[in-house]
Amino acid sequence: KKEWYDIKAPSVFSTRQCGKTLVSRTQGTKIASEQLKGRVLELNLADLNNDEDQASKKIKLCIEEVQGRNC
């Protein structure tokens, strides 16, 4: 069974809510939030800043902390 987590970008970007990611549900010693930490996401800079001039640039973000269903 899998769970969806919302991805929130750092406050330097104008768009905070930037996507969702899938992770296996916590089972036994495998904790879902630990599986998310360190995950690297590749996002389009134009989507994060609402600026179409930056459409050719991609940026990588790493998940550092998980709070509830947000990471």
C-alpha atoms as a PDB file:
ATOM      1  CA  LYS A   1       0.000   0.000   0.000  1.00  0.00           C
ATOM      2  CA  LYS A   2       1.258   3.486  -0.854  1.00  0.00           C
ATOM      3  CA  GLU A   3       0.628   7.012   0.441  1.00  0.00           C
ATOM      4  CA  TRP A   4       0.794  10.418  -1.272  1.00  0.00           C
ATOM      5  CA  TYR A   5       2.786  13.258   0.318  1.00  0.00           C
ATOM      6  CA  ASP A   6       2.600  16.938  -0.700  1.00  0.00           C
ATOM      7  CA  ILE A   7       5.865  18.617  -1.674  1.00  0.00           C
ATOM      8  CA  LYS A   8       6.413  22.176  -0.460  1.00  0.00           C
ATOM      9  CA  ALA A   9       9.200  24.295  -1.959  1.00  0.00           C
ATOM     10  CA  PRO A  10      11.365  26.621   0.184  1.00  0.00           C
ATOM     11  CA  SER A  11      10.026  30.132   0.816  1.00  0.00           C
ATOM     12  CA  VAL A  12      12.434  31.729  -1.706  1.00  0.00           C
ATOM     13  CA  PHE A  13      10.143  30.504  -4.507  1.00  0.00           C
ATOM     14  CA  SER A  14       6.807  32.188  -5.203  1.00  0.00           C
ATOM     15  CA  THR A  15       4.957  28.844  -5.579  1.00  0.00           C
ATOM     16  CA  ARG A  16       5.118  26.837  -2.356  1.00  0.00           C
ATOM     17  CA  GLN A  17       2.939  23.851  -3.348  1.00  0.00           C
ATOM     18  CA  CYS A  18       4.935  22.201  -6.128  1.00  0.00           C
ATOM     19  CA  GLY A  19       3.802  18.597  -6.386  1.00  0.00           C
ATOM     20  CA  LYS A  20       3.160  15.223  -4.792  1.00  0.00           C
ATOM     21  CA  THR A  21       5.291  12.130  -4.267  1.00  0.00           C
ATOM     22  CA  LEU A  22       4.455   8.499  -3.607  1.00  0.00           C
ATOM     23  CA  VAL A  23       5.944   6.424  -0.781  1.00  0.00           C
ATOM     24  CA  SER A  24       5.268   2.986   0.697  1.00  0.00           C
ATOM     25  CA  ARG A  25       3.191   3.051   3.876  1.00  0.00           C
ATOM     26  CA  THR A  26       4.949   2.572   7.236  1.00  0.00           C
ATOM     27  CA  GLN A  27       5.267  -1.128   7.970  1.00  0.00           C
ATOM     28  CA  GLY A  28       7.342  -2.694  10.721  1.00  0.00           C
ATOM     29  CA  THR A  29      10.722  -0.971  10.960  1.00  0.00           C
ATOM     30  CA  LYS A  30      10.384   0.782   7.566  1.00  0.00           C
ATOM     31  CA  ILE A  31       9.069   4.271   8.356  1.00  0.00           C
ATOM     32  CA  ALA A  32       7.534   6.230   5.452  1.00  0.00           C
ATOM     33  CA  SER A  33       9.001   9.594   6.493  1.00  0.00           C
ATOM     34  CA  GLU A  34      12.516   8.098   6.649  1.00  0.00           C
ATOM     35  CA  GLN A  35      12.133   6.742   3.121  1.00  0.00           C
ATOM     36  CA  LEU A  36      11.293  10.278   1.891  1.00  0.00           C
ATOM     37  CA  LYS A  37      14.270  12.022   3.497  1.00  0.00           C
ATOM     38  CA  GLY A  38      17.130  12.498   1.066  1.00  0.00           C
ATOM     39  CA  ARG A  39      14.894  12.050  -1.988  1.00  0.00           C
ATOM     40  CA  VAL A  40      15.941  14.425  -4.804  1.00  0.00           C
ATOM     41  CA  LEU A  41      13.287  16.109  -6.961  1.00  0.00           C
ATOM     42  CA  GLU A  42      13.889  17.840 -10.278  1.00  0.00           C
ATOM     43  CA  LEU A  43      11.527  20.760 -10.902  1.00  0.00           C
ATOM     44  CA  ASN A  44      11.161  23.406 -13.581  1.00  0.00           C
ATOM     45  CA  LEU A  45      12.199  26.865 -12.347  1.00  0.00           C
ATOM     46  CA  ALA A  46       9.404  28.529 -14.352  1.00  0.00           C
ATOM     47  CA  ASP A  47       6.811  26.531 -12.377  1.00  0.00           C
ATOM     48  CA  LEU A  48       8.357  27.514  -9.035  1.00  0.00           C
ATOM     49  CA  ASN A  49       8.574  31.246  -9.806  1.00  0.00           C
ATOM     50  CA  ASN A  50       5.575  31.660 -12.162  1.00  0.00           C
ATOM     51  CA  ASP A  51       7.982  33.156 -14.711  1.00  0.00           C
ATOM     52  CA  GLU A  52       7.922  31.710 -18.243  1.00  0.00           C
ATOM     53  CA  ASP A  53      11.320  33.277 -19.061  1.00  0.00           C
ATOM     54  CA  GLN A  54      12.981  30.650 -16.855  1.00  0.00           C
ATOM     55  CA  ALA A  55      11.301  27.703 -18.595  1.00  0.00           C
ATOM     56  CA  SER A  56      14.598  26.247 -19.835  1.00  0.00           C
ATOM     57  CA  LYS A  57      16.085  25.913 -16.338  1.00  0.00           C
ATOM     58  CA  LYS A  58      15.604  22.957 -14.019  1.00  0.00           C
ATOM     59  CA  ILE A  59      16.384  22.927 -10.323  1.00  0.00           C
ATOM     60  CA  LYS A  60      16.970  20.025  -7.929  1.00  0.00           C
ATOM     61  CA  LEU A  61      15.467  20.044  -4.445  1.00  0.00           C
ATOM     62  CA  CYS A  62      16.200  17.530  -1.693  1.00  0.00           C
ATOM     63  CA  ILE A  63      13.610  16.510   0.923  1.00  0.00           C
ATOM     64  CA  GLU A  64      15.034  17.275   4.368  1.00  0.00           C
ATOM     65  CA  GLU A  65      12.059  17.038   6.727  1.00  0.00           C
ATOM     66  CA  VAL A  66       8.553  15.598   6.827  1.00  0.00           C
ATOM     67  CA  GLN A  67       5.675  17.108   8.831  1.00  0.00           C
ATOM     68  CA  GLY A  68       2.431  15.157   8.672  1.00  0.00           C
ATOM     69  CA  ARG A  69       1.637  14.791   4.962  1.00  0.00           C
ATOM     70  CA  ASN A  70       3.937  17.644   3.898  1.00  0.00           C
ATOM     71  CA  CYS A  71       7.599  17.396   3.015  1.00  0.00           C
END
